[in-house]
Each structure stands twice: as C-alpha cells, then as structure tokens.
Amino acid sequence: MMVVTISENLKNTGLTTDKKVLTSTVGMKDEAKGKMIEIVLGKSDKFDSLVPPVTNGKTP
C-alpha cells in the first residue's frame, strides 16, 4: 500500500508522528472500491527545524 509506505517514510525521517491508524472493511457496500485505511499524522517536534518555511510559494 502506497499510503503506508509514505507514512512510514515520513515517520522514519522524523518529520511526523502517528496520531491514529484505522482500517475497515465493515459497511463496505461496493467491493470494487477495496478496503479503507485512515492514517492521521502529526508534525513531529523537530519538523520545523527540518523543513524550511515557505513564503509566497518560495523557500527563503
């Protein structure tokens, strides 16, 4: 799953922390849509020191 890979990469680089991870197939009426996964991430304490701020679409 691409979503899980991206989430794990962001966590491993120290940019995010997990807040909530949910998976569900209950109540799915359309099997063609597949399974649902919800991953909620939050900024880590060191996020602002790792990612430069963006102003007017440009980094300083």
C-alpha atoms as a PDB file:
ATOM      1  CA  MET A   1       0.000   0.000   0.000  1.00  0.00           C
ATOM      2  CA  MET A   2       1.432   3.313  -1.083  1.00  0.00           C
ATOM      3  CA  VAL A   3      -0.174   5.242   1.801  1.00  0.00           C
ATOM      4  CA  VAL A   4       1.509   3.057   4.403  1.00  0.00           C
ATOM      5  CA  THR A   5       4.891   3.364   2.680  1.00  0.00           C
ATOM      6  CA  ILE A   6       4.678   7.166   2.576  1.00  0.00           C
ATOM      7  CA  SER A   7       3.555   7.296   6.204  1.00  0.00           C
ATOM      8  CA  GLU A   8       6.431   5.064   7.328  1.00  0.00           C
ATOM      9  CA  ASN A   9       8.983   7.114   5.361  1.00  0.00           C
ATOM     10  CA  LEU A  10       7.772  10.347   6.962  1.00  0.00           C
ATOM     11  CA  LYS A  11       7.962   8.778  10.433  1.00  0.00           C
ATOM     12  CA  ASN A  12      11.403   7.265   9.824  1.00  0.00           C
ATOM     13  CA  THR A  13      12.833  10.626   8.742  1.00  0.00           C
ATOM     14  CA  GLY A  14      11.488  12.257  11.903  1.00  0.00           C
ATOM     15  CA  LEU A  15       9.005  14.550  10.160  1.00  0.00           C
ATOM     16  CA  THR A  16       5.797  13.077  11.602  1.00  0.00           C
ATOM     17  CA  THR A  17       4.284  11.047  14.411  1.00  0.00           C
ATOM     18  CA  ASP A  18       1.314   8.685  14.271  1.00  0.00           C
ATOM     19  CA  LYS A  19      -1.874  10.021  15.783  1.00  0.00           C
ATOM     20  CA  LYS A  20      -4.337   7.409  14.550  1.00  0.00           C
ATOM     21  CA  VAL A  21      -4.366   4.384  12.247  1.00  0.00           C
ATOM     22  CA  LEU A  22      -7.691   2.756  11.299  1.00  0.00           C
ATOM     23  CA  THR A  23      -8.556   0.019   8.838  1.00  0.00           C
ATOM     24  CA  SER A  24     -12.027  -1.225   7.996  1.00  0.00           C
ATOM     25  CA  THR A  25     -13.963  -3.405   5.618  1.00  0.00           C
ATOM     26  CA  VAL A  26     -17.166  -3.272   7.691  1.00  0.00           C
ATOM     27  CA  GLY A  27     -20.007  -1.488   5.940  1.00  0.00           C
ATOM     28  CA  MET A  28     -18.349  -1.571   2.534  1.00  0.00           C
ATOM     29  CA  LYS A  29     -21.168  -1.949   0.007  1.00  0.00           C
ATOM     30  CA  ASP A  30     -19.000  -1.658  -3.088  1.00  0.00           C
ATOM     31  CA  GLU A  31     -16.236  -4.266  -3.025  1.00  0.00           C
ATOM     32  CA  ALA A  32     -14.685  -2.703  -6.145  1.00  0.00           C
ATOM     33  CA  LYS A  33     -13.540   0.258  -4.035  1.00  0.00           C
ATOM     34  CA  GLY A  34     -11.472  -2.013  -1.809  1.00  0.00           C
ATOM     35  CA  LYS A  35     -10.620  -1.643   1.847  1.00  0.00           C
ATOM     36  CA  MET A  36     -10.497   1.625   3.747  1.00  0.00           C
ATOM     37  CA  ILE A  37      -7.404   2.808   5.594  1.00  0.00           C
ATOM     38  CA  GLU A  38      -7.121   6.054   7.524  1.00  0.00           C
ATOM     39  CA  ILE A  39      -3.755   7.290   8.762  1.00  0.00           C
ATOM     40  CA  VAL A  40      -3.618  10.550  10.688  1.00  0.00           C
ATOM     41  CA  LEU A  41      -0.154  12.029  11.126  1.00  0.00           C
ATOM     42  CA  GLY A  42       1.025  14.991  13.148  1.00  0.00           C
ATOM     43  CA  LYS A  43       4.106  17.155  12.812  1.00  0.00           C
ATOM     44  CA  SER A  44       6.997  15.968  14.953  1.00  0.00           C
ATOM     45  CA  ASP A  45       8.713  18.275  17.419  1.00  0.00           C
ATOM     46  CA  LYS A  46      11.660  18.679  15.047  1.00  0.00           C
ATOM     47  CA  PHE A  47       9.549  19.196  11.873  1.00  0.00           C
ATOM     48  CA  ASP A  48      10.074  22.975  11.758  1.00  0.00           C
ATOM     49  CA  SER A  49      13.844  22.605  12.091  1.00  0.00           C
ATOM     50  CA  LEU A  50      13.978  20.014   9.274  1.00  0.00           C
ATOM     51  CA  VAL A  51      11.642  21.694   6.752  1.00  0.00           C
ATOM     52  CA  PRO A  52      12.282  25.316   5.732  1.00  0.00           C
ATOM     53  CA  PRO A  53       9.254  27.634   5.795  1.00  0.00           C
ATOM     54  CA  VAL A  54       7.576  28.562   2.503  1.00  0.00           C
ATOM     55  CA  THR A  55       6.587  32.186   1.873  1.00  0.00           C
ATOM     56  CA  ASN A  56       4.603  33.181  -1.234  1.00  0.00           C
ATOM     57  CA  GLY A  57       5.301  29.781  -2.774  1.00  0.00           C
ATOM     58  CA  LYS A  58       9.086  30.143  -2.489  1.00  0.00           C
ATOM     59  CA  THR A  59      11.544  28.927   0.120  1.00  0.00           C
ATOM     60  CA  PRO A  60      13.757  31.628   1.648  1.00  0.00           C
END
